[in-house]
PDB file of N, CA and C in Angstrom:
ATOM      1  N   UNK A   1       0.818  -1.216   0.002  1.00  0.00           N
ATOM      2  CA  UNK A   1       0.000   0.001   0.003  1.00  0.00           C
ATOM      3  C   UNK A   1       0.863   1.272   0.001  1.00  0.00           C
ATOM      4  N   UNK A   2       2.056   1.194   0.513  1.00  0.00           N
ATOM      5  CA  UNK A   2       2.899   2.381   0.629  1.00  0.00           C
ATOM      6  C   UNK A   2       3.388   2.871  -0.732  1.00  0.00           C
ATOM      7  N   UNK A   3       3.374   2.019  -1.728  1.00  0.00           N
ATOM      8  CA  UNK A   3       3.849   2.390  -3.064  1.00  0.00           C
ATOM      9  C   UNK A   3       2.727   2.904  -3.969  1.00  0.00           C
ATOM     10  N   UNK A   4       1.499   2.963  -3.455  1.00  0.00           N
ATOM     11  CA  UNK A   4       0.400   3.329  -4.308  1.00  0.00           C
ATOM     12  C   UNK A   4       0.572   4.727  -4.902  1.00  0.00           C
ATOM     13  N   UNK A   5       1.057   5.676  -4.117  1.00  0.00           N
ATOM     14  CA  UNK A   5       1.237   7.039  -4.628  1.00  0.00           C
ATOM     15  C   UNK A   5       2.273   7.032  -5.741  1.00  0.00           C
ATOM     16  N   UNK A   6       3.346   6.250  -5.565  1.00  0.00           N
ATOM     17  CA  UNK A   6       4.396   6.168  -6.602  1.00  0.00           C
ATOM     18  C   UNK A   6       3.849   5.495  -7.849  1.00  0.00           C
ATOM     19  N   UNK A   7       3.064   4.465  -7.700  1.00  0.00           N
ATOM     20  CA  UNK A   7       2.483   3.733  -8.846  1.00  0.00           C
ATOM     21  C   UNK A   7       1.529   4.651  -9.591  1.00  0.00           C
ATOM     22  N   UNK A   8       0.675   5.386  -8.836  1.00  0.00           N
ATOM     23  CA  UNK A   8      -0.254   6.312  -9.470  1.00  0.00           C
ATOM     24  C   UNK A   8       0.504   7.403 -10.223  1.00  0.00           C
ATOM     25  N   UNK A   9       1.515   7.968  -9.610  1.00  0.00           N
ATOM     26  CA  UNK A   9       2.306   9.037 -10.262  1.00  0.00           C
ATOM     27  C   UNK A   9       2.992   8.528 -11.528  1.00  0.00           C
ATOM     28  N   UNK A  10       3.509   7.299 -11.472  1.00  0.00           N
ATOM     29  CA  UNK A  10       4.169   6.726 -12.660  1.00  0.00           C
ATOM     30  C   UNK A  10       3.120   6.484 -13.752  1.00  0.00           C
ATOM     31  N   UNK A  11       1.944   6.015 -13.386  1.00  0.00           N
ATOM     32  CA  UNK A  11       0.887   5.791 -14.361  1.00  0.00           C
ATOM     33  C   UNK A  11       0.439   7.096 -15.017  1.00  0.00           C
ATOM     34  N   UNK A  12       0.293   8.131 -14.194  1.00  0.00           N
ATOM     35  CA  UNK A  12      -0.143   9.447 -14.703  1.00  0.00           C
ATOM     36  C   UNK A  12       0.925  10.026 -15.619  1.00  0.00           C
ATOM     37  N   UNK A  13       2.190   9.857 -15.249  1.00  0.00           N
ATOM     38  CA  UNK A  13       3.297  10.364 -16.073  1.00  0.00           C
ATOM     39  C   UNK A  13       3.335   9.616 -17.414  1.00  0.00           C
ATOM     40  N   UNK A  14       3.151   8.317 -17.388  1.00  0.00           N
ATOM     41  CA  UNK A  14       3.180   7.527 -18.644  1.00  0.00           C
ATOM     42  C   UNK A  14       1.990   7.939 -19.506  1.00  0.00           C
ATOM     43  N   UNK A  15       0.831   8.159 -18.902  1.00  0.00           N
ATOM     44  CA  UNK A  15      -0.342   8.580 -19.673  1.00  0.00           C
ATOM     45  C   UNK A  15      -0.095   9.946 -20.298  1.00  0.00           C
ATOM     46  N   UNK A  16       0.510  10.870 -19.564  1.00  0.00           N
ATOM     47  CA  UNK A  16       0.780  12.201 -20.089  1.00  0.00           C
ATOM     48  C   UNK A  16       1.729  12.123 -21.287  1.00  0.00           C
ATOM     49  N   UNK A  17       2.733  11.285 -21.194  1.00  0.00           N
ATOM     50  CA  UNK A  17       3.707  11.103 -22.288  1.00  0.00           C
ATOM     51  C   UNK A  17       2.997  10.510 -23.515  1.00  0.00           C
ATOM     52  N   UNK A  18       2.131   9.536 -23.274  1.00  0.00           N
ATOM     53  CA  UNK A  18       1.402   8.913 -24.370  1.00  0.00           C
ATOM     54  C   UNK A  18       0.470   9.900 -25.044  1.00  0.00           C
ATOM     55  N   UNK A  19      -0.216  10.703 -24.253  1.00  0.00           N
ATOM     56  CA  UNK A  19      -1.102  11.746 -24.823  1.00  0.00           C
ATOM     57  C   UNK A  19      -0.308  12.745 -25.632  1.00  0.00           C
ATOM     58  N   UNK A  20       0.843  13.149 -25.140  1.00  0.00           N
ATOM     59  CA  UNK A  20       1.673  14.127 -25.857  1.00  0.00           C
ATOM     60  C   UNK A  20       2.157  13.523 -27.192  1.00  0.00           C
ATOM     61  N   UNK A  21       2.538  12.251 -27.161  1.00  0.00           N
ATOM     62  CA  UNK A  21       2.964  11.552 -28.388  1.00  0.00           C
ATOM     63  C   UNK A  21       1.838  11.490 -29.413  1.00  0.00           C
ATOM     64  N   UNK A  22       0.640  11.108 -28.941  1.00  0.00           N
ATOM     65  CA  UNK A  22      -0.512  11.015 -29.839  1.00  0.00           C
ATOM     66  C   UNK A  22      -0.876  12.385 -30.405  1.00  0.00           C
ATOM     67  N   UNK A  23      -0.847  13.414 -29.564  1.00  0.00           N
ATOM     68  CA  UNK A  23      -1.144  14.761 -30.011  1.00  0.00           C
ATOM     69  C   UNK A  23      -0.148  15.213 -31.081  1.00  0.00           C
ATOM     70  N   UNK A  24       1.128  14.973 -30.843  1.00  0.00           N
ATOM     71  CA  UNK A  24       2.167  15.388 -31.808  1.00  0.00           C
ATOM     72  C   UNK A  24       1.957  14.635 -33.123  1.00  0.00           C
ATOM     73  N   UNK A  25       1.617  13.370 -33.053  1.00  0.00           N
ATOM     74  CA  UNK A  25       1.388  12.557 -34.243  1.00  0.00           C
ATOM     75  C   UNK A  25       0.226  13.143 -35.055  1.00  0.00           C
ATOM     76  N   UNK A  26      -0.895  13.444 -34.386  1.00  0.00           N
ATOM     77  CA  UNK A  26      -2.033  13.997 -35.086  1.00  0.00           C
ATOM     78  C   UNK A  26      -1.724  15.375 -35.661  1.00  0.00           C
ATOM     79  N   UNK A  27      -1.083  16.219 -34.889  1.00  0.00           N
ATOM     80  CA  UNK A  27      -0.761  17.558 -35.369  1.00  0.00           C
ATOM     81  C   UNK A  27       0.229  17.503 -36.526  1.00  0.00           C
ATOM     82  N   UNK A  28       1.116  16.519 -36.516  1.00  0.00           N
ATOM     83  CA  UNK A  28       2.033  16.304 -37.616  1.00  0.00           C
ATOM     84  C   UNK A  28       1.313  15.940 -38.919  1.00  0.00           C
ATOM     85  N   UNK A  29       0.110  15.412 -38.774  1.00  0.00           N
ATOM     86  CA  UNK A  29      -0.706  15.085 -39.906  1.00  0.00           C
ATOM     87  C   UNK A  29      -1.737  16.192 -40.220  1.00  0.00           C
ATOM     88  N   UNK A  30      -1.492  17.348 -39.625  1.00  0.00           N
ATOM     89  CA  UNK A  30      -2.375  18.524 -39.796  1.00  0.00           C
ATOM     90  C   UNK A  30      -3.802  18.280 -39.285  1.00  0.00           C
ATOM     91  N   UNK A  31      -3.913  17.448 -38.243  1.00  0.00           N
ATOM     92  CA  UNK A  31      -5.211  17.185 -37.618  1.00  0.00           C
ATOM     93  C   UNK A  31      -5.200  17.916 -36.299  1.00  0.00           C
ATOM     94  N   UNK A  32      -6.039  18.958 -36.166  1.00  0.00           N
ATOM     95  CA  UNK A  32      -6.056  19.707 -34.906  1.00  0.00           C
ATOM     96  C   UNK A  32      -6.627  18.829 -33.775  1.00  0.00           C
ATOM     97  N   UNK A  33      -6.040  18.898 -32.611  1.00  0.00           N
ATOM     98  CA  UNK A  33      -6.540  18.112 -31.499  1.00  0.00           C
ATOM     99  C   UNK A  33      -6.165  18.794 -30.185  1.00  0.00           C
ATOM    100  N   UNK A  34      -6.879  18.419 -29.168  1.00  0.00           N
ATOM    101  CA  UNK A  34      -6.597  18.901 -27.818  1.00  0.00           C
ATOM    102  C   UNK A  34      -6.710  17.686 -26.900  1.00  0.00           C
ATOM    103  N   UNK A  35      -5.838  17.545 -25.953  1.00  0.00           N
ATOM    104  CA  UNK A  35      -5.893  16.404 -25.027  1.00  0.00           C
ATOM    105  C   UNK A  35      -6.270  16.912 -23.647  1.00  0.00           C
ATOM    106  N   UNK A  36      -6.931  16.020 -22.921  1.00  0.00           N
ATOM    107  CA  UNK A  36      -7.348  16.292 -21.539  1.00  0.00           C
ATOM    108  C   UNK A  36      -7.038  15.050 -20.763  1.00  0.00           C
ATOM    109  N   UNK A  37      -6.328  15.206 -19.653  1.00  0.00           N
ATOM    110  CA  UNK A  37      -6.029  14.069 -18.798  1.00  0.00           C
ATOM    111  C   UNK A  37      -6.704  14.301 -17.446  1.00  0.00           C
ATOM    112  N   UNK A  38      -7.600  13.376 -17.103  1.00  0.00           N
ATOM    113  CA  UNK A  38      -8.353  13.477 -15.850  1.00  0.00           C
ATOM    114  C   UNK A  38      -8.133  12.142 -15.095  1.00  0.00           C
ATOM    115  N   UNK A  39      -8.299  12.210 -13.786  1.00  0.00           N
ATOM    116  CA  UNK A  39      -8.199  11.007 -12.950  1.00  0.00           C
ATOM    117  C   UNK A  39      -9.541  10.768 -12.290  1.00  0.00           C
ATOM    118  N   UNK A  40      -9.885   9.504 -12.185  1.00  0.00           N
ATOM    119  CA  UNK A  40     -11.138   9.141 -11.535  1.00  0.00           C
ATOM    120  C   UNK A  40     -11.985   8.239 -12.410  1.00  0.00           C
ATOM    121  N   UNK A  41     -13.280   8.299 -12.194  1.00  0.00           N
ATOM    122  CA  UNK A  41     -14.226   7.419 -12.893  1.00  0.00           C
ATOM    123  C   UNK A  41     -14.278   7.820 -14.392  1.00  0.00           C
ATOM    124  N   UNK A  42     -13.787   6.953 -15.297  1.00  0.00           N
ATOM    125  CA  UNK A  42     -13.687   7.318 -16.697  1.00  0.00           C
ATOM    126  C   UNK A  42     -15.028   7.571 -17.367  1.00  0.00           C
ATOM    127  N   UNK A  43     -16.032   6.786 -17.024  1.00  0.00           N
ATOM    128  CA  UNK A  43     -17.329   6.952 -17.658  1.00  0.00           C
ATOM    129  C   UNK A  43     -17.875   8.361 -17.404  1.00  0.00           C
ATOM    130  N   UNK A  44     -17.872   8.771 -16.161  1.00  0.00           N
ATOM    131  CA  UNK A  44     -18.393  10.080 -15.818  1.00  0.00           C
ATOM    132  C   UNK A  44     -17.564  11.196 -16.435  1.00  0.00           C
ATOM    133  N   UNK A  45     -16.251  11.054 -16.480  1.00  0.00           N
ATOM    134  CA  UNK A  45     -15.395  12.071 -17.082  1.00  0.00           C
ATOM    135  C   UNK A  45     -15.653  12.176 -18.562  1.00  0.00           C
ATOM    136  N   UNK A  46     -15.775  11.069 -19.252  1.00  0.00           N
ATOM    137  CA  UNK A  46     -15.982  11.099 -20.708  1.00  0.00           C
ATOM    138  C   UNK A  46     -17.324  11.738 -21.035  1.00  0.00           C
ATOM    139  N   UNK A  47     -18.378  11.333 -20.345  1.00  0.00           N
ATOM    140  CA  UNK A  47     -19.700  11.923 -20.585  1.00  0.00           C
ATOM    141  C   UNK A  47     -19.695  13.421 -20.247  1.00  0.00           C
ATOM    142  N   UNK A  48     -19.074  13.765 -19.141  1.00  0.00           N
ATOM    143  CA  UNK A  48     -19.010  15.179 -18.732  1.00  0.00           C
ATOM    144  C   UNK A  48     -18.242  16.011 -19.765  1.00  0.00           C
ATOM    145  N   UNK A  49     -17.121  15.515 -20.215  1.00  0.00           N
ATOM    146  CA  UNK A  49     -16.328  16.257 -21.239  1.00  0.00           C
ATOM    147  C   UNK A  49     -17.121  16.416 -22.541  1.00  0.00           C
ATOM    148  N   UNK A  50     -17.829  15.380 -22.932  1.00  0.00           N
ATOM    149  CA  UNK A  50     -18.638  15.476 -24.159  1.00  0.00           C
ATOM    150  C   UNK A  50     -19.695  16.539 -24.010  1.00  0.00           C
ATOM    151  N   UNK A  51     -20.291  16.622 -22.840  1.00  0.00           N
ATOM    152  CA  UNK A  51     -21.313  17.667 -22.597  1.00  0.00           C
ATOM    153  C   UNK A  51     -20.661  19.052 -22.590  1.00  0.00           C
ATOM    154  N   UNK A  52     -19.523  19.210 -21.918  1.00  0.00           N
ATOM    155  CA  UNK A  52     -18.853  20.505 -21.849  1.00  0.00           C
ATOM    156  C   UNK A  52     -18.431  20.982 -23.236  1.00  0.00           C
ATOM    157  N   UNK A  53     -18.022  20.068 -24.079  1.00  0.00           N
ATOM    158  CA  UNK A  53     -17.555  20.405 -25.425  1.00  0.00           C
ATOM    159  C   UNK A  53     -18.677  20.448 -26.449  1.00  0.00           C
ATOM    160  N   UNK A  54     -19.901  20.128 -26.013  1.00  0.00           N
ATOM    161  CA  UNK A  54     -21.057  20.028 -26.934  1.00  0.00           C
ATOM    162  C   UNK A  54     -20.707  19.112 -28.091  1.00  0.00           C
ATOM    163  N   UNK A  55     -20.142  17.943 -27.771  1.00  0.00           N
ATOM    164  CA  UNK A  55     -19.689  16.990 -28.788  1.00  0.00           C
ATOM    165  C   UNK A  55     -20.864  16.504 -29.638  1.00  0.00           C
ATOM    166  N   UNK A  56     -20.593  16.391 -30.917  1.00  0.00           N
ATOM    167  CA  UNK A  56     -21.567  15.831 -31.843  1.00  0.00           C
ATOM    168  C   UNK A  56     -21.680  14.310 -31.655  1.00  0.00           C
ATOM    169  N   UNK A  57     -20.569  13.688 -31.296  1.00  0.00           N
ATOM    170  CA  UNK A  57     -20.518  12.253 -31.040  1.00  0.00           C
ATOM    171  C   UNK A  57     -19.240  11.916 -30.290  1.00  0.00           C
ATOM    172  N   UNK A  58     -19.225  10.717 -29.744  1.00  0.00           N
ATOM    173  CA  UNK A  58     -18.057  10.179 -29.023  1.00  0.00           C
ATOM    174  C   UNK A  58     -17.611   8.939 -29.769  1.00  0.00           C
ATOM    175  N   UNK A  59     -16.299   8.828 -29.991  1.00  0.00           N
ATOM    176  CA  UNK A  59     -15.734   7.631 -30.649  1.00  0.00           C
ATOM    177  C   UNK A  59     -14.939   6.889 -29.586  1.00  0.00           C
ATOM    178  N   UNK A  60     -15.243   5.603 -29.459  1.00  0.00           N
ATOM    179  CA  UNK A  60     -14.560   4.760 -28.472  1.00  0.00           C
ATOM    180  C   UNK A  60     -14.198   3.431 -29.101  1.00  0.00           C
ATOM    181  N   UNK A  61     -13.173   2.814 -28.536  1.00  0.00           N
ATOM    182  CA  UNK A  61     -12.772   1.497 -29.007  1.00  0.00           C
ATOM    183  C   UNK A  61     -13.359   0.401 -28.122  1.00  0.00           C
ATOM    184  N   UNK A  62     -13.418  -0.782 -28.703  1.00  0.00           N
ATOM    185  CA  UNK A  62     -13.887  -1.945 -27.963  1.00  0.00           C
ATOM    186  C   UNK A  62     -12.742  -2.948 -27.895  1.00  0.00           C
ATOM    187  N   UNK A  63     -12.598  -3.603 -26.740  1.00  0.00           N
ATOM    188  CA  UNK A  63     -11.563  -4.605 -26.595  1.00  0.00           C
ATOM    189  C   UNK A  63     -12.017  -5.929 -27.196  1.00  0.00           C
ATOM    190  N   UNK A  64     -13.296  -6.067 -27.438  1.00  0.00           N
ATOM    191  CA  UNK A  64     -13.834  -7.314 -27.969  1.00  0.00           C
ATOM    192  C   UNK A  64     -14.020  -8.367 -26.919  1.00  0.00           C
ATOM    193  N   UNK A  65     -14.187  -7.958 -25.654  1.00  0.00           N
ATOM    194  CA  UNK A  65     -14.424  -8.924 -24.587  1.00  0.00           C
ATOM    195  C   UNK A  65     -15.825  -9.520 -24.736  1.00  0.00           C
ATOM    196  N   UNK A  66     -16.009 -10.625 -24.067  1.00  0.00           N
ATOM    197  CA  UNK A  66     -17.315 -11.254 -24.068  1.00  0.00           C
ATOM    198  C   UNK A  66     -18.276 -10.498 -23.167  1.00  0.00           C
ATOM    199  N   UNK A  67     -19.569 -10.760 -23.327  1.00  0.00           N
ATOM    200  CA  UNK A  67     -20.570 -10.136 -22.472  1.00  0.00           C
ATOM    201  C   UNK A  67     -20.384 -10.527 -21.026  1.00  0.00           C
ATOM    202  N   UNK A  68     -19.947 -11.775 -20.781  1.00  0.00           N
ATOM    203  CA  UNK A  68     -19.680 -12.234 -19.406  1.00  0.00           C
ATOM    204  C   UNK A  68     -18.567 -11.423 -18.782  1.00  0.00           C
ATOM    205  N   UNK A  69     -17.488 -11.189 -19.506  1.00  0.00           N
ATOM    206  CA  UNK A  69     -16.387 -10.392 -19.002  1.00  0.00           C
ATOM    207  C   UNK A  69     -16.893  -8.993 -18.649  1.00  0.00           C
ATOM    208  N   UNK A  70     -17.631  -8.383 -19.535  1.00  0.00           N
ATOM    209  CA  UNK A  70     -18.144  -7.026 -19.285  1.00  0.00           C
ATOM    210  C   UNK A  70     -19.089  -7.012 -18.085  1.00  0.00           C
ATOM    211  N   UNK A  71     -19.851  -8.062 -17.900  1.00  0.00           N
ATOM    212  CA  UNK A  71     -20.740  -8.175 -16.746  1.00  0.00           C
ATOM    213  C   UNK A  71     -19.975  -8.227 -15.439  1.00  0.00           C
ATOM    214  N   UNK A  72     -18.886  -9.014 -15.435  1.00  0.00           N
ATOM    215  CA  UNK A  72     -18.091  -9.192 -14.223  1.00  0.00           C
ATOM    216  C   UNK A  72     -17.143  -8.022 -13.966  1.00  0.00           C
ATOM    217  N   UNK A  73     -16.538  -7.492 -14.996  1.00  0.00           N
ATOM    218  CA  UNK A  73     -15.515  -6.466 -14.834  1.00  0.00           C
ATOM    219  C   UNK A  73     -16.047  -5.073 -15.129  1.00  0.00           C
ATOM    220  N   UNK A  74     -17.022  -4.992 -15.982  1.00  0.00           N
ATOM    221  CA  UNK A  74     -17.550  -3.703 -16.381  1.00  0.00           C
ATOM    222  C   UNK A  74     -16.964  -3.249 -17.701  1.00  0.00           C
ATOM    223  N   UNK A  75     -17.604  -2.317 -18.333  1.00  0.00           N
ATOM    224  CA  UNK A  75     -17.143  -1.830 -19.634  1.00  0.00           C
ATOM    225  C   UNK A  75     -17.323  -0.322 -19.675  1.00  0.00           C
ATOM    226  N   UNK A  76     -16.221   0.370 -19.829  1.00  0.00           N
ATOM    227  CA  UNK A  76     -16.284   1.815 -19.958  1.00  0.00           C
ATOM    228  C   UNK A  76     -17.095   2.231 -21.155  1.00  0.00           C
ATOM    229  N   UNK A  77     -16.844   1.571 -22.298  1.00  0.00           N
ATOM    230  CA  UNK A  77     -17.573   1.881 -23.503  1.00  0.00           C
ATOM    231  C   UNK A  77     -19.085   1.696 -23.308  1.00  0.00           C
ATOM    232  N   UNK A  78     -19.477   0.600 -22.667  1.00  0.00           N
ATOM    233  CA  UNK A  78     -20.910   0.353 -22.438  1.00  0.00           C
ATOM    234  C   UNK A  78     -21.486   1.409 -21.517  1.00  0.00           C
ATOM    235  N   UNK A  79     -20.756   1.795 -20.465  1.00  0.00           N
ATOM    236  CA  UNK A  79     -21.225   2.799 -19.558  1.00  0.00           C
ATOM    237  C   UNK A  79     -21.417   4.137 -20.228  1.00  0.00           C
ATOM    238  N   UNK A  80     -20.495   4.528 -21.103  1.00  0.00           N
ATOM    239  CA  UNK A  80     -20.600   5.772 -21.854  1.00  0.00           C
ATOM    240  C   UNK A  80     -21.794   5.676 -22.811  1.00  0.00           C
ATOM    241  N   UNK A  81     -21.922   4.559 -23.469  1.00  0.00           N
ATOM    242  CA  UNK A  81     -23.025   4.352 -24.422  1.00  0.00           C
ATOM    243  C   UNK A  81     -24.374   4.544 -23.720  1.00  0.00           C
ATOM    244  N   UNK A  82     -24.504   4.069 -22.490  1.00  0.00           N
ATOM    245  CA  UNK A  82     -25.760   4.152 -21.767  1.00  0.00           C
ATOM    246  C   UNK A  82     -26.039   5.557 -21.212  1.00  0.00           C
ATOM    247  N   UNK A  83     -24.978   6.373 -21.010  1.00  0.00           N
ATOM    248  CA  UNK A  83     -25.161   7.667 -20.346  1.00  0.00           C
ATOM    249  C   UNK A  83     -24.995   8.898 -21.259  1.00  0.00           C
ATOM    250  N   UNK A  84     -24.411   8.715 -22.397  1.00  0.00           N
ATOM    251  CA  UNK A  84     -24.084   9.863 -23.266  1.00  0.00           C
ATOM    252  C   UNK A  84     -25.360  10.472 -23.854  1.00  0.00           C
ATOM    253  N   UNK A  85     -25.365  11.788 -23.968  1.00  0.00           N
ATOM    254  CA  UNK A  85     -26.487  12.471 -24.582  1.00  0.00           C
ATOM    255  C   UNK A  85     -26.338  12.565 -26.102  1.00  0.00           C
ATOM    256  N   UNK A  86     -25.155  12.227 -26.608  1.00  0.00           N
ATOM    257  CA  UNK A  86     -24.922  12.259 -28.062  1.00  0.00           C
ATOM    258  C   UNK A  86     -24.619  10.829 -28.531  1.00  0.00           C
ATOM    259  N   UNK A  87     -24.609  10.610 -29.849  1.00  0.00           N
ATOM    260  CA  UNK A  87     -24.279   9.279 -30.353  1.00  0.00           C
ATOM    261  C   UNK A  87     -22.885   8.818 -29.956  1.00  0.00           C
ATOM    262  N   UNK A  88     -22.718   7.514 -29.788  1.00  0.00           N
ATOM    263  CA  UNK A  88     -21.428   6.912 -29.446  1.00  0.00           C
ATOM    264  C   UNK A  88     -21.077   5.933 -30.555  1.00  0.00           C
ATOM    265  N   UNK A  89     -19.923   6.158 -31.184  1.00  0.00           N
ATOM    266  CA  UNK A  89     -19.451   5.251 -32.235  1.00  0.00           C
ATOM    267  C   UNK A  89     -18.436   4.328 -31.591  1.00  0.00           C
ATOM    268  N   UNK A  90     -18.671   3.024 -31.753  1.00  0.00           N
ATOM    269  CA  UNK A  90     -17.768   2.011 -31.120  1.00  0.00           C
ATOM    270  C   UNK A  90     -17.002   1.335 -32.216  1.00  0.00           C
ATOM    271  N   UNK A  91     -15.683   1.439 -32.143  1.00  0.00           N
ATOM    272  CA  UNK A  91     -14.817   0.804 -33.129  1.00  0.00           C
ATOM    273  C   UNK A  91     -14.388  -0.571 -32.600  1.00  0.00           C
ATOM    274  N   UNK A  92     -14.514  -1.604 -33.400  1.00  0.00           N
ATOM    275  CA  UNK A  92     -14.095  -2.914 -32.930  1.00  0.00           C
ATOM    276  C   UNK A  92     -12.574  -3.014 -32.843  1.00  0.00           C
ATOM    277  N   UNK A  93     -12.071  -4.014 -32.131  1.00  0.00           N
ATOM    278  CA  UNK A  93     -10.598  -4.185 -32.078  1.00  0.00           C
ATOM    279  C   UNK A  93     -10.079  -4.543 -33.461  1.00  0.00           C
ATOM    280  N   UNK A  94      -8.817  -4.256 -33.720  1.00  0.00           N
ATOM    281  CA  UNK A  94      -8.248  -4.618 -35.035  1.00  0.00           C
ATOM    282  C   UNK A  94      -8.331  -6.124 -35.234  1.00  0.00           C
ATOM    283  N   UNK A  95      -8.554  -6.479 -36.486  1.00  0.00           N
ATOM    284  CA  UNK A  95      -8.634  -7.900 -36.856  1.00  0.00           C
ATOM    285  C   UNK A  95      -7.271  -8.552 -36.671  1.00  0.00           C
ATOM    286  N   UNK A  96      -7.233  -9.708 -36.101  1.00  0.00           N
ATOM    287  CA  UNK A  96      -5.966 -10.446 -35.935  1.00  0.00           C
ATOM    288  C   UNK A  96      -5.395 -10.818 -37.311  1.00  0.00           C
ATOM    289  N   UNK A  97      -6.287 -11.085 -38.283  1.00  0.00           N
ATOM    290  CA  UNK A  97      -5.835 -11.419 -39.612  1.00  0.00           C
ATOM    291  C   UNK A  97      -5.143 -10.242 -40.266  1.00  0.00           C
ATOM    292  N   UNK A  98      -5.653  -9.028 -40.039  1.00  0.00           N
ATOM    293  CA  UNK A  98      -5.060  -7.832 -40.626  1.00  0.00           C
ATOM    294  C   UNK A  98      -3.615  -7.636 -40.153  1.00  0.00           C
ATOM    295  N   UNK A  99      -3.341  -7.932 -38.888  1.00  0.00           N
ATOM    296  CA  UNK A  99      -1.997  -7.767 -38.343  1.00  0.00           C
ATOM    297  C   UNK A  99      -1.037  -8.804 -38.895  1.00  0.00           C
ATOM    298  N   UNK A 100      -1.540  -9.956 -39.286  1.00  0.00           N
ATOM    299  CA  UNK A 100      -0.681 -11.013 -39.829  1.00  0.00           C
ATOM    300  C   UNK A 100      -0.232 -10.739 -41.226  1.00  0.00           C
ATOM    301  N   UNK A 101      -0.910  -9.842 -41.939  1.00  0.00           N
ATOM    302  CA  UNK A 101      -0.586  -9.546 -43.345  1.00  0.00           C
ATOM    303  C   UNK A 101       0.592  -8.612 -43.534  1.00  0.00           C
ATOM    304  N   UNK A 102       1.132  -8.066 -42.474  1.00  0.00           N
ATOM    305  CA  UNK A 102       2.198  -7.068 -42.592  1.00  0.00           C
ATOM    306  C   UNK A 102       3.386  -7.605 -43.309  1.00  0.00           C
TER     307      UNK A 102
END
C-alpha cells in the first residue's frame, strides 16, 4: 500500500507522455486536437467532457471482450453508451488477420 502514490504518479506520467505523443502525431498530420487528462471514474469524465464540449458524437474502441467479461468487470464503452447524450461510435478491435498480413 505504501507504493500506491508512486504507482499512481508513474501511471499518470506515462499517460501524459502517451497523450503528448498522440497529439504530436495528429498535429504532424495537420489534424487539430486537444488532449485532456483526468483522474477518476472514466465513464463520468468522458460523458461530462462530451457535454462541456457540446460533442456531436463520441468515438470509443472496444476490446472485444465477451458479455460475461463485461458483466463481471464492467465496460467503460458500455457505460458511456448508456449515459451519453450524443451518439457513441464504437470501433471494434483490429482484426488479428489484418495484423498477420504485414
